[in-house]
Amino acid sequence: MVDTTADKRYRKSHRLRKRREFLAIQGRGDKVHLKHLLAFIKRSDLAHRVGFTVSRKVGNAVERNRIKRLLRESWRLHRDTWPSGFEVVLVAKRSASALTFATACEHVLTLSKRLGRIR
């Protein structure tokens, strides 16, 4: 039997998967600027969901995928600190090529604190 309180998987229900979902949040959501990220936040009746965007301005495919992996893992480990009821799109800025796992975790935790203040 799986203990759901310790379930840290990044399931499809936690992801933004369609372009229209990303655009809806980016168009109508609030913005939060962080050093390496721009976060678009929208209230939702659903549990928290997140999507990641890294454009070609940031780097080549290897660099973009590395950044997405860092962000996904840091979110996966700290998602229980996020209040529910938000959909978030994290957009990497050009400076994100200098992103490390520690700074990615800091950004995720900072964003969770700011989400708590939005309520």
C-alpha atoms as a PDB file:
ATOM      1  CA  MET A   1       0.000   0.000   0.000  1.00  0.00           C
ATOM      2  CA  VAL A   2       1.301   3.447  -0.943  1.00  0.00           C
ATOM      3  CA  ASP A   3       1.469   6.142   1.718  1.00  0.00           C
ATOM      4  CA  THR A   4      -0.098   9.183   0.018  1.00  0.00           C
ATOM      5  CA  THR A   5       1.383  11.643   2.502  1.00  0.00           C
ATOM      6  CA  ALA A   6       4.894  10.698   1.384  1.00  0.00           C
ATOM      7  CA  ASP A   7       3.997  10.516  -2.317  1.00  0.00           C
ATOM      8  CA  LYS A   8       6.415  12.908  -4.025  1.00  0.00           C
ATOM      9  CA  ARG A   9       5.718  11.873  -7.622  1.00  0.00           C
ATOM     10  CA  TYR A  10       5.174  14.489 -10.296  1.00  0.00           C
ATOM     11  CA  ARG A  11       1.885  13.212 -11.670  1.00  0.00           C
ATOM     12  CA  LYS A  12      -0.054  14.386 -14.701  1.00  0.00           C
ATOM     13  CA  SER A  13      -2.627  15.921 -12.385  1.00  0.00           C
ATOM     14  CA  HIS A  14       0.102  18.269 -11.079  1.00  0.00           C
ATOM     15  CA  ARG A  15       1.160  19.456 -14.533  1.00  0.00           C
ATOM     16  CA  LEU A  16      -0.056  22.081 -16.911  1.00  0.00           C
ATOM     17  CA  ARG A  17      -0.052  20.197 -20.183  1.00  0.00           C
ATOM     18  CA  LYS A  18      -1.829  22.191 -22.859  1.00  0.00           C
ATOM     19  CA  ARG A  19      -0.818  25.409 -24.534  1.00  0.00           C
ATOM     20  CA  ARG A  20      -4.191  27.000 -23.780  1.00  0.00           C
ATOM     21  CA  GLU A  21      -3.686  26.324 -20.054  1.00  0.00           C
ATOM     22  CA  PHE A  22      -0.294  28.063 -20.145  1.00  0.00           C
ATOM     23  CA  LEU A  23      -1.697  31.003 -22.118  1.00  0.00           C
ATOM     24  CA  ALA A  24      -4.714  31.376 -19.815  1.00  0.00           C
ATOM     25  CA  ILE A  25      -2.472  31.676 -16.772  1.00  0.00           C
ATOM     26  CA  GLN A  26       0.061  33.944 -18.478  1.00  0.00           C
ATOM     27  CA  GLY A  27      -2.687  36.195 -19.799  1.00  0.00           C
ATOM     28  CA  ARG A  28      -4.807  36.569 -16.675  1.00  0.00           C
ATOM     29  CA  GLY A  29      -2.412  35.682 -13.876  1.00  0.00           C
ATOM     30  CA  ASP A  30      -0.448  37.789 -11.434  1.00  0.00           C
ATOM     31  CA  LYS A  31       3.303  38.151 -11.984  1.00  0.00           C
ATOM     32  CA  VAL A  32       6.035  37.536  -9.460  1.00  0.00           C
ATOM     33  CA  HIS A  33       9.608  38.385 -10.427  1.00  0.00           C
ATOM     34  CA  LEU A  34      12.467  36.363  -8.998  1.00  0.00           C
ATOM     35  CA  LYS A  35      16.155  36.581  -9.891  1.00  0.00           C
ATOM     36  CA  HIS A  36      16.144  33.781 -12.480  1.00  0.00           C
ATOM     37  CA  LEU A  37      12.406  33.205 -12.889  1.00  0.00           C
ATOM     38  CA  LEU A  38       9.184  34.927 -13.720  1.00  0.00           C
ATOM     39  CA  ALA A  39       6.133  33.287 -12.168  1.00  0.00           C
ATOM     40  CA  PHE A  40       2.592  33.727 -13.439  1.00  0.00           C
ATOM     41  CA  ILE A  41       0.041  32.824 -10.780  1.00  0.00           C
ATOM     42  CA  LYS A  42      -3.680  32.217 -11.117  1.00  0.00           C
ATOM     43  CA  ARG A  43      -6.147  31.125  -8.473  1.00  0.00           C
ATOM     44  CA  SER A  44      -7.864  27.824  -9.144  1.00  0.00           C
ATOM     45  CA  ASP A  45     -10.409  25.537  -7.531  1.00  0.00           C
ATOM     46  CA  LEU A  46      -8.156  22.609  -8.348  1.00  0.00           C
ATOM     47  CA  ALA A  47      -5.114  21.486  -6.401  1.00  0.00           C
ATOM     48  CA  HIS A  48      -1.888  23.288  -7.214  1.00  0.00           C
ATOM     49  CA  ARG A  49      -0.583  22.683 -10.730  1.00  0.00           C
ATOM     50  CA  VAL A  50       2.616  23.945 -12.287  1.00  0.00           C
ATOM     51  CA  GLY A  51       4.141  24.330 -15.733  1.00  0.00           C
ATOM     52  CA  PHE A  52       7.660  25.234 -16.814  1.00  0.00           C
ATOM     53  CA  THR A  53       8.739  27.313 -19.804  1.00  0.00           C
ATOM     54  CA  VAL A  54      12.299  27.839 -20.992  1.00  0.00           C
ATOM     55  CA  SER A  55      12.670  29.650 -24.307  1.00  0.00           C
ATOM     56  CA  ARG A  56      15.494  29.407 -26.820  1.00  0.00           C
ATOM     57  CA  LYS A  57      16.774  32.758 -25.600  1.00  0.00           C
ATOM     58  CA  VAL A  58      18.117  30.991 -22.517  1.00  0.00           C
ATOM     59  CA  GLY A  59      20.406  28.525 -24.263  1.00  0.00           C
ATOM     60  CA  ASN A  60      20.635  25.440 -26.399  1.00  0.00           C
ATOM     61  CA  ALA A  61      18.463  22.347 -25.909  1.00  0.00           C
ATOM     62  CA  VAL A  62      20.821  20.769 -23.392  1.00  0.00           C
ATOM     63  CA  GLU A  63      20.830  23.889 -21.225  1.00  0.00           C
ATOM     64  CA  ARG A  64      17.049  24.375 -21.460  1.00  0.00           C
ATOM     65  CA  ASN A  65      16.375  20.770 -20.468  1.00  0.00           C
ATOM     66  CA  ARG A  66      18.811  21.031 -17.540  1.00  0.00           C
ATOM     67  CA  ILE A  67      16.965  24.088 -16.259  1.00  0.00           C
ATOM     68  CA  LYS A  68      13.590  22.352 -16.587  1.00  0.00           C
ATOM     69  CA  ARG A  69      14.897  19.290 -14.740  1.00  0.00           C
ATOM     70  CA  LEU A  70      16.217  21.466 -11.896  1.00  0.00           C
ATOM     71  CA  LEU A  71      12.931  23.346 -11.594  1.00  0.00           C
ATOM     72  CA  ARG A  72      10.798  20.199 -11.740  1.00  0.00           C
ATOM     73  CA  GLU A  73      12.863  18.455  -9.081  1.00  0.00           C
ATOM     74  CA  SER A  74      12.950  21.439  -6.746  1.00  0.00           C
ATOM     75  CA  TRP A  75       9.182  21.873  -7.101  1.00  0.00           C
ATOM     76  CA  ARG A  76       8.585  18.151  -6.590  1.00  0.00           C
ATOM     77  CA  LEU A  77      10.566  18.140  -3.341  1.00  0.00           C
ATOM     78  CA  HIS A  78       8.962  21.316  -1.942  1.00  0.00           C
ATOM     79  CA  ARG A  79       5.438  21.205  -3.329  1.00  0.00           C
ATOM     80  CA  ASP A  80       3.964  20.362   0.071  1.00  0.00           C
ATOM     81  CA  THR A  81       4.966  23.876   1.212  1.00  0.00           C
ATOM     82  CA  TRP A  82       2.783  25.434  -1.503  1.00  0.00           C
ATOM     83  CA  PRO A  83      -0.774  26.387  -0.575  1.00  0.00           C
ATOM     84  CA  SER A  84      -3.374  24.635  -2.696  1.00  0.00           C
ATOM     85  CA  GLY A  85      -5.640  26.473  -5.089  1.00  0.00           C
ATOM     86  CA  PHE A  86      -3.026  27.975  -7.419  1.00  0.00           C
ATOM     87  CA  GLU A  87      -1.896  27.287 -10.942  1.00  0.00           C
ATOM     88  CA  VAL A  88       1.625  28.545 -11.661  1.00  0.00           C
ATOM     89  CA  VAL A  89       3.714  28.925 -14.800  1.00  0.00           C
ATOM     90  CA  LEU A  90       7.429  29.341 -14.140  1.00  0.00           C
ATOM     91  CA  VAL A  91       9.255  31.074 -16.994  1.00  0.00           C
ATOM     92  CA  ALA A  92      13.046  31.019 -16.982  1.00  0.00           C
ATOM     93  CA  LYS A  93      14.796  34.320 -17.586  1.00  0.00           C
ATOM     94  CA  ARG A  94      18.020  34.570 -19.590  1.00  0.00           C
ATOM     95  CA  SER A  95      20.019  34.556 -16.375  1.00  0.00           C
ATOM     96  CA  ALA A  96      18.627  31.085 -15.576  1.00  0.00           C
ATOM     97  CA  SER A  97      21.608  29.483 -17.312  1.00  0.00           C
ATOM     98  CA  ALA A  98      23.473  30.170 -14.038  1.00  0.00           C
ATOM     99  CA  LEU A  99      20.780  28.342 -12.049  1.00  0.00           C
ATOM    100  CA  THR A 100      21.948  25.688  -9.593  1.00  0.00           C
ATOM    101  CA  PHE A 101      19.839  23.211  -7.687  1.00  0.00           C
ATOM    102  CA  ALA A 102      20.239  25.202  -4.471  1.00  0.00           C
ATOM    103  CA  THR A 103      19.047  28.449  -6.078  1.00  0.00           C
ATOM    104  CA  ALA A 104      16.179  26.612  -7.788  1.00  0.00           C
ATOM    105  CA  CYS A 105      15.055  25.335  -4.376  1.00  0.00           C
ATOM    106  CA  GLU A 106      15.376  28.843  -2.923  1.00  0.00           C
ATOM    107  CA  HIS A 107      13.194  30.248  -5.704  1.00  0.00           C
ATOM    108  CA  VAL A 108      10.544  27.558  -5.180  1.00  0.00           C
ATOM    109  CA  LEU A 109      10.464  28.202  -1.419  1.00  0.00           C
ATOM    110  CA  THR A 110      10.348  31.981  -1.918  1.00  0.00           C
ATOM    111  CA  LEU A 111       7.479  31.583  -4.329  1.00  0.00           C
ATOM    112  CA  SER A 112       5.582  29.366  -1.886  1.00  0.00           C
ATOM    113  CA  LYS A 113       5.882  32.096   0.766  1.00  0.00           C
ATOM    114  CA  ARG A 114       4.577  34.698  -1.665  1.00  0.00           C
ATOM    115  CA  LEU A 115       1.681  32.433  -2.611  1.00  0.00           C
ATOM    116  CA  GLY A 116       0.785  32.209   1.070  1.00  0.00           C
ATOM    117  CA  ARG A 117       0.566  36.014   1.203  1.00  0.00           C
ATOM    118  CA  ILE A 118      -1.719  36.205  -1.859  1.00  0.00           C
ATOM    119  CA  ARG A 119      -4.478  34.333  -0.060  1.00  0.00           C
END
